[in-house]
Amino acid sequence: MPLRNIFKNCTYYWGFAAWMAYYINHPLYTPPTYGVQQVKLALAVFVICQLGNFSIHMALRDLRPAGSKTRKIPYPTKNP
């Protein structure tokens, strides 16, 4: 990764974190409408999405064996 990408990535992620922190820590912040139930549902959806992302990373990792230069074509599997 080029060195300039580190600065681009840090600026993007830190800027987004600062933007979110502003609204979360603002004195006029209002909590979620449905309270803890809404937060738990959002967390469950987030975890499911992260598990799907992980499964795709594993599928893409297996397309090229370690130390090999071959490139395989991905085919649909039962992997969600």
C-alpha atoms as a PDB file:
ATOM      1  CA  MET A   1       0.000   0.000   0.000  1.00  0.00           C
ATOM      2  CA  PRO A   2       1.438   3.397  -0.898  1.00  0.00           C
ATOM      3  CA  LEU A   3       2.224   5.734   1.985  1.00  0.00           C
ATOM      4  CA  ARG A   4      -0.281   8.338   0.743  1.00  0.00           C
ATOM      5  CA  ASN A   5      -3.095   5.817   1.182  1.00  0.00           C
ATOM      6  CA  ILE A   6      -2.390   5.668   4.906  1.00  0.00           C
ATOM      7  CA  PHE A   7      -3.100   9.391   5.167  1.00  0.00           C
ATOM      8  CA  LYS A   8      -6.223   9.084   3.005  1.00  0.00           C
ATOM      9  CA  ASN A   9      -7.553   6.179   5.052  1.00  0.00           C
ATOM     10  CA  CYS A  10      -6.787   7.814   8.401  1.00  0.00           C
ATOM     11  CA  THR A  11      -8.409  11.075   7.308  1.00  0.00           C
ATOM     12  CA  TYR A  12     -11.527   9.261   6.139  1.00  0.00           C
ATOM     13  CA  TYR A  13     -11.969   7.065   9.240  1.00  0.00           C
ATOM     14  CA  TRP A  14     -11.003   9.698  11.791  1.00  0.00           C
ATOM     15  CA  GLY A  15     -13.200  12.283  10.073  1.00  0.00           C
ATOM     16  CA  PHE A  16     -16.170   9.929  10.079  1.00  0.00           C
ATOM     17  CA  ALA A  17     -15.554   9.043  13.740  1.00  0.00           C
ATOM     18  CA  ALA A  18     -15.387  12.746  14.662  1.00  0.00           C
ATOM     19  CA  TRP A  19     -18.605  13.431  12.725  1.00  0.00           C
ATOM     20  CA  MET A  20     -20.432  10.621  14.526  1.00  0.00           C
ATOM     21  CA  ALA A  21     -18.972  11.624  17.911  1.00  0.00           C
ATOM     22  CA  TYR A  22     -20.299  15.154  17.438  1.00  0.00           C
ATOM     23  CA  TYR A  23     -23.886  13.930  17.098  1.00  0.00           C
ATOM     24  CA  ILE A  24     -23.630  11.244  19.774  1.00  0.00           C
ATOM     25  CA  ASN A  25     -22.134  13.616  22.353  1.00  0.00           C
ATOM     26  CA  HIS A  26     -24.266  16.654  21.464  1.00  0.00           C
ATOM     27  CA  PRO A  27     -26.329  18.076  24.350  1.00  0.00           C
ATOM     28  CA  LEU A  28     -29.539  17.721  22.300  1.00  0.00           C
ATOM     29  CA  TYR A  29     -28.921  14.018  21.561  1.00  0.00           C
ATOM     30  CA  THR A  30     -32.049  11.898  21.700  1.00  0.00           C
ATOM     31  CA  PRO A  31     -31.757   8.167  22.394  1.00  0.00           C
ATOM     32  CA  PRO A  32     -33.159   5.558  19.966  1.00  0.00           C
ATOM     33  CA  THR A  33     -36.956   5.562  19.700  1.00  0.00           C
ATOM     34  CA  TYR A  34     -37.403   1.966  20.858  1.00  0.00           C
ATOM     35  CA  GLY A  35     -34.569   2.060  23.381  1.00  0.00           C
ATOM     36  CA  VAL A  36     -32.526  -1.033  24.193  1.00  0.00           C
ATOM     37  CA  GLN A  37     -34.610  -3.251  21.898  1.00  0.00           C
ATOM     38  CA  GLN A  38     -33.603  -1.160  18.863  1.00  0.00           C
ATOM     39  CA  VAL A  39     -29.945  -1.201  19.871  1.00  0.00           C
ATOM     40  CA  LYS A  40     -29.957  -4.993  20.323  1.00  0.00           C
ATOM     41  CA  LEU A  41     -31.633  -5.516  16.942  1.00  0.00           C
ATOM     42  CA  ALA A  42     -29.082  -3.257  15.230  1.00  0.00           C
ATOM     43  CA  LEU A  43     -26.255  -5.163  16.930  1.00  0.00           C
ATOM     44  CA  ALA A  44     -27.681  -8.505  15.770  1.00  0.00           C
ATOM     45  CA  VAL A  45     -27.969  -7.263  12.163  1.00  0.00           C
ATOM     46  CA  PHE A  46     -24.405  -5.892  12.352  1.00  0.00           C
ATOM     47  CA  VAL A  47     -23.029  -9.225  13.613  1.00  0.00           C
ATOM     48  CA  ILE A  48     -24.853 -11.170  10.877  1.00  0.00           C
ATOM     49  CA  CYS A  49     -23.439  -8.831   8.223  1.00  0.00           C
ATOM     50  CA  GLN A  50     -19.916  -9.160   9.644  1.00  0.00           C
ATOM     51  CA  LEU A  51     -20.179 -12.963   9.611  1.00  0.00           C
ATOM     52  CA  GLY A  52     -21.261 -12.804   5.957  1.00  0.00           C
ATOM     53  CA  ASN A  53     -18.310 -10.538   5.185  1.00  0.00           C
ATOM     54  CA  PHE A  54     -15.964 -12.978   6.929  1.00  0.00           C
ATOM     55  CA  SER A  55     -17.340 -15.955   4.976  1.00  0.00           C
ATOM     56  CA  ILE A  56     -16.764 -14.147   1.671  1.00  0.00           C
ATOM     57  CA  HIS A  57     -13.205 -13.261   2.730  1.00  0.00           C
ATOM     58  CA  MET A  58     -12.547 -16.932   3.410  1.00  0.00           C
ATOM     59  CA  ALA A  59     -14.017 -17.946   0.045  1.00  0.00           C
ATOM     60  CA  LEU A  60     -11.843 -15.406  -1.780  1.00  0.00           C
ATOM     61  CA  ARG A  61      -8.776 -16.470   0.200  1.00  0.00           C
ATOM     62  CA  ASP A  62      -9.233 -20.052  -0.962  1.00  0.00           C
ATOM     63  CA  LEU A  63      -9.217 -19.063  -4.649  1.00  0.00           C
ATOM     64  CA  ARG A  64      -5.414 -18.837  -4.671  1.00  0.00           C
ATOM     65  CA  PRO A  65      -3.355 -21.474  -2.843  1.00  0.00           C
ATOM     66  CA  ALA A  66      -0.447 -20.170  -0.747  1.00  0.00           C
ATOM     67  CA  GLY A  67       2.712 -19.624  -2.797  1.00  0.00           C
ATOM     68  CA  SER A  68       0.864 -20.031  -6.086  1.00  0.00           C
ATOM     69  CA  LYS A  69       0.373 -17.614  -8.975  1.00  0.00           C
ATOM     70  CA  THR A  70      -2.729 -19.347 -10.330  1.00  0.00           C
ATOM     71  CA  ARG A  71      -6.011 -17.454 -10.414  1.00  0.00           C
ATOM     72  CA  LYS A  72      -9.254 -19.364 -10.104  1.00  0.00           C
ATOM     73  CA  ILE A  73     -12.648 -18.130 -11.201  1.00  0.00           C
ATOM     74  CA  PRO A  74     -15.114 -17.897  -8.305  1.00  0.00           C
ATOM     75  CA  TYR A  75     -18.205 -20.073  -8.723  1.00  0.00           C
ATOM     76  CA  PRO A  76     -21.401 -19.920  -6.667  1.00  0.00           C
ATOM     77  CA  THR A  77     -21.455 -22.198  -3.653  1.00  0.00           C
ATOM     78  CA  LYS A  78     -23.696 -22.650  -0.639  1.00  0.00           C
ATOM     79  CA  ASN A  79     -21.673 -19.917   1.099  1.00  0.00           C
ATOM     80  CA  PRO A  80     -24.108 -17.110   1.934  1.00  0.00           C
END
